[in-house]
Amino acid sequence: MNKDEVKLLFNPSGQRGTFPKGTVLLDAARSLGVDIDSVCGGR
């Protein structure tokens, strides 16, 4: 991991990944198969 990346850990699923800084949280979650409800519909 370099300084332009962040590690994310989603609980309780335990899914984790490394993403470029600035990645939208919902996009990161979806790429890992983590379902997060969002009132904005992902916009």
PDB file of N, CA and C in Angstrom:
ATOM      1  N   MET A   1       0.854  -1.183   0.000  1.00  0.00           N
ATOM      2  CA  MET A   1       0.000   0.000   0.000  1.00  0.00           C
ATOM      3  C   MET A   1       0.894   1.239   0.000  1.00  0.00           C
ATOM      4  N   ASN A   2       0.519   2.202  -0.808  1.00  0.00           N
ATOM      5  CA  ASN A   2       1.291   3.446  -0.823  1.00  0.00           C
ATOM      6  C   ASN A   2       0.476   4.573  -0.185  1.00  0.00           C
ATOM      7  N   LYS A   3       1.068   5.744  -0.118  1.00  0.00           N
ATOM      8  CA  LYS A   3       0.411   6.870   0.570  1.00  0.00           C
ATOM      9  C   LYS A   3      -0.831   7.370  -0.147  1.00  0.00           C
ATOM     10  N   ASP A   4      -1.061   6.937  -1.384  1.00  0.00           N
ATOM     11  CA  ASP A   4      -2.242   7.364  -2.129  1.00  0.00           C
ATOM     12  C   ASP A   4      -3.363   6.340  -2.069  1.00  0.00           C
ATOM     13  N   GLU A   5      -3.239   5.378  -1.143  1.00  0.00           N
ATOM     14  CA  GLU A   5      -4.249   4.344  -0.988  1.00  0.00           C
ATOM     15  C   GLU A   5      -4.718   4.284   0.465  1.00  0.00           C
ATOM     16  N   VAL A   6      -5.917   3.756   0.642  1.00  0.00           N
ATOM     17  CA  VAL A   6      -6.458   3.532   1.979  1.00  0.00           C
ATOM     18  C   VAL A   6      -6.967   2.104   2.071  1.00  0.00           C
ATOM     19  N   LYS A   7      -6.920   1.546   3.275  1.00  0.00           N
ATOM     20  CA  LYS A   7      -7.473   0.221   3.521  1.00  0.00           C
ATOM     21  C   LYS A   7      -8.840   0.388   4.162  1.00  0.00           C
ATOM     22  N   LEU A   8      -9.800  -0.375   3.688  1.00  0.00           N
ATOM     23  CA  LEU A   8     -11.145  -0.333   4.252  1.00  0.00           C
ATOM     24  C   LEU A   8     -11.506  -1.719   4.766  1.00  0.00           C
ATOM     25  N   LEU A   9     -12.167  -1.754   5.902  1.00  0.00           N
ATOM     26  CA  LEU A   9     -12.671  -2.987   6.488  1.00  0.00           C
ATOM     27  C   LEU A   9     -14.138  -2.763   6.806  1.00  0.00           C
ATOM     28  N   PHE A  10     -14.989  -3.599   6.235  1.00  0.00           N
ATOM     29  CA  PHE A  10     -16.431  -3.487   6.467  1.00  0.00           C
ATOM     30  C   PHE A  10     -16.848  -4.556   7.467  1.00  0.00           C
ATOM     31  N   ASN A  11     -17.504  -4.120   8.534  1.00  0.00           N
ATOM     32  CA  ASN A  11     -18.011  -5.040   9.544  1.00  0.00           C
ATOM     33  C   ASN A  11     -19.521  -5.016   9.521  1.00  0.00           C
ATOM     34  N   PRO A  12     -20.207  -6.070   9.775  1.00  0.00           N
ATOM     35  CA  PRO A  12     -19.707  -7.327  10.320  1.00  0.00           C
ATOM     36  C   PRO A  12     -19.261  -8.340   9.265  1.00  0.00           C
ATOM     37  N   SER A  13     -19.298  -7.992   7.984  1.00  0.00           N
ATOM     38  CA  SER A  13     -18.972  -8.966   6.936  1.00  0.00           C
ATOM     39  C   SER A  13     -17.500  -9.383   6.938  1.00  0.00           C
ATOM     40  N   GLY A  14     -16.630  -8.467   7.395  1.00  0.00           N
ATOM     41  CA  GLY A  14     -15.204  -8.777   7.380  1.00  0.00           C
ATOM     42  C   GLY A  14     -14.551  -8.542   6.026  1.00  0.00           C
ATOM     43  N   GLN A  15     -15.324  -8.046   5.064  1.00  0.00           N
ATOM     44  CA  GLN A  15     -14.762  -7.758   3.743  1.00  0.00           C
ATOM     45  C   GLN A  15     -13.784  -6.617   3.867  1.00  0.00           C
ATOM     46  N   ARG A  16     -12.659  -6.731   3.174  1.00  0.00           N
ATOM     47  CA  ARG A  16     -11.647  -5.672   3.233  1.00  0.00           C
ATOM     48  C   ARG A  16     -11.014  -5.498   1.868  1.00  0.00           C
ATOM     49  N   GLY A  17     -10.464  -4.309   1.651  1.00  0.00           N
ATOM     50  CA  GLY A  17      -9.797  -4.017   0.393  1.00  0.00           C
ATOM     51  C   GLY A  17      -8.971  -2.747   0.504  1.00  0.00           C
ATOM     52  N   THR A  18      -8.127  -2.548  -0.492  1.00  0.00           N
ATOM     53  CA  THR A  18      -7.295  -1.356  -0.598  1.00  0.00           C
ATOM     54  C   THR A  18      -7.774  -0.562  -1.808  1.00  0.00           C
ATOM     55  N   PHE A  19      -7.976   0.734  -1.605  1.00  0.00           N
ATOM     56  CA  PHE A  19      -8.544   1.575  -2.646  1.00  0.00           C
ATOM     57  C   PHE A  19      -7.769   2.879  -2.767  1.00  0.00           C
ATOM     58  N   PRO A  20      -7.797   3.491  -3.955  1.00  0.00           N
ATOM     59  CA  PRO A  20      -7.163   4.805  -4.108  1.00  0.00           C
ATOM     60  C   PRO A  20      -7.886   5.835  -3.239  1.00  0.00           C
ATOM     61  N   LYS A  21      -7.125   6.766  -2.671  1.00  0.00           N
ATOM     62  CA  LYS A  21      -7.754   7.856  -1.915  1.00  0.00           C
ATOM     63  C   LYS A  21      -8.755   8.557  -2.817  1.00  0.00           C
ATOM     64  N   GLY A  22      -9.889   8.917  -2.239  1.00  0.00           N
ATOM     65  CA  GLY A  22     -10.930   9.603  -2.997  1.00  0.00           C
ATOM     66  C   GLY A  22     -11.989   8.671  -3.545  1.00  0.00           C
ATOM     67  N   THR A  23     -11.813   7.359  -3.386  1.00  0.00           N
ATOM     68  CA  THR A  23     -12.820   6.414  -3.838  1.00  0.00           C
ATOM     69  C   THR A  23     -14.087   6.618  -3.023  1.00  0.00           C
ATOM     70  N   VAL A  24     -15.215   6.651  -3.694  1.00  0.00           N
ATOM     71  CA  VAL A  24     -16.501   6.811  -3.017  1.00  0.00           C
ATOM     72  C   VAL A  24     -16.758   5.553  -2.181  1.00  0.00           C
ATOM     73  N   LEU A  25     -17.140   5.752  -0.926  1.00  0.00           N
ATOM     74  CA  LEU A  25     -17.341   4.638  -0.016  1.00  0.00           C
ATOM     75  C   LEU A  25     -18.340   3.616  -0.565  1.00  0.00           C
ATOM     76  N   LEU A  26     -19.439   4.075  -1.127  1.00  0.00           N
ATOM     77  CA  LEU A  26     -20.424   3.149  -1.692  1.00  0.00           C
ATOM     78  C   LEU A  26     -19.833   2.341  -2.845  1.00  0.00           C
ATOM     79  N   ASP A  27     -19.002   2.944  -3.667  1.00  0.00           N
ATOM     80  CA  ASP A  27     -18.360   2.227  -4.771  1.00  0.00           C
ATOM     81  C   ASP A  27     -17.418   1.152  -4.246  1.00  0.00           C
ATOM     82  N   ALA A  28     -16.664   1.492  -3.211  1.00  0.00           N
ATOM     83  CA  ALA A  28     -15.751   0.517  -2.614  1.00  0.00           C
ATOM     84  C   ALA A  28     -16.536  -0.655  -2.039  1.00  0.00           C
ATOM     85  N   ALA A  29     -17.595  -0.356  -1.310  1.00  0.00           N
ATOM     86  CA  ALA A  29     -18.416  -1.413  -0.714  1.00  0.00           C
ATOM     87  C   ALA A  29     -19.001  -2.315  -1.785  1.00  0.00           C
ATOM     88  N   ARG A  30     -19.549  -1.730  -2.808  1.00  0.00           N
ATOM     89  CA  ARG A  30     -20.165  -2.531  -3.881  1.00  0.00           C
ATOM     90  C   ARG A  30     -19.141  -3.391  -4.598  1.00  0.00           C
ATOM     91  N   SER A  31     -17.940  -2.883  -4.783  1.00  0.00           N
ATOM     92  CA  SER A  31     -16.916  -3.669  -5.478  1.00  0.00           C
ATOM     93  C   SER A  31     -16.513  -4.904  -4.673  1.00  0.00           C
ATOM     94  N   LEU A  32     -16.732  -4.841  -3.357  1.00  0.00           N
ATOM     95  CA  LEU A  32     -16.436  -5.976  -2.486  1.00  0.00           C
ATOM     96  C   LEU A  32     -17.667  -6.839  -2.216  1.00  0.00           C
ATOM     97  N   GLY A  33     -18.811  -6.438  -2.765  1.00  0.00           N
ATOM     98  CA  GLY A  33     -20.038  -7.194  -2.546  1.00  0.00           C
ATOM     99  C   GLY A  33     -20.722  -6.890  -1.226  1.00  0.00           C
ATOM    100  N   VAL A  34     -20.383  -5.745  -0.619  1.00  0.00           N
ATOM    101  CA  VAL A  34     -20.991  -5.336   0.647  1.00  0.00           C
ATOM    102  C   VAL A  34     -22.214  -4.483   0.330  1.00  0.00           C
ATOM    103  N   ASP A  35     -23.364  -4.878   0.879  1.00  0.00           N
ATOM    104  CA  ASP A  35     -24.606  -4.149   0.619  1.00  0.00           C
ATOM    105  C   ASP A  35     -24.817  -3.091   1.690  1.00  0.00           C
ATOM    106  N   ILE A  36     -24.836  -1.831   1.275  1.00  0.00           N
ATOM    107  CA  ILE A  36     -25.081  -0.713   2.186  1.00  0.00           C
ATOM    108  C   ILE A  36     -26.298   0.042   1.681  1.00  0.00           C
ATOM    109  N   ASP A  37     -27.279   0.248   2.549  1.00  0.00           N
ATOM    110  CA  ASP A  37     -28.447   1.029   2.182  1.00  0.00           C
ATOM    111  C   ASP A  37     -28.062   2.496   2.104  1.00  0.00           C
ATOM    112  N   SER A  38     -28.560   3.173   1.079  1.00  0.00           N
ATOM    113  CA  SER A  38     -28.269   4.604   0.955  1.00  0.00           C
ATOM    114  C   SER A  38     -29.536   5.331   0.546  1.00  0.00           C
ATOM    115  N   VAL A  39     -29.909   6.344   1.300  1.00  0.00           N
ATOM    116  CA  VAL A  39     -31.129   7.101   1.000  1.00  0.00           C
ATOM    117  C   VAL A  39     -31.010   7.863  -0.309  1.00  0.00           C
ATOM    118  N   CYS A  40     -29.773   8.120  -0.752  1.00  0.00           N
ATOM    119  CA  CYS A  40     -29.558   8.871  -1.984  1.00  0.00           C
ATOM    120  C   CYS A  40     -29.624   7.960  -3.211  1.00  0.00           C
ATOM    121  N   GLY A  41     -29.728   6.651  -2.986  1.00  0.00           N
ATOM    122  CA  GLY A  41     -29.767   5.727  -4.125  1.00  0.00           C
ATOM    123  C   GLY A  41     -28.397   5.576  -4.798  1.00  0.00           C
ATOM    124  N   GLY A  42     -27.344   5.959  -4.097  1.00  0.00           N
ATOM    125  CA  GLY A  42     -26.003   5.816  -4.654  1.00  0.00           C
ATOM    126  C   GLY A  42     -25.517   7.002  -5.443  1.00  0.00           C
ATOM    127  N   ARG A  43     -26.274   8.104  -5.410  1.00  0.00           N
ATOM    128  CA  ARG A  43     -25.858   9.289  -6.154  1.00  0.00           C
ATOM    129  C   ARG A  43     -25.114  10.253  -5.285  1.00  0.00           C
TER     130      ARG A  43
END
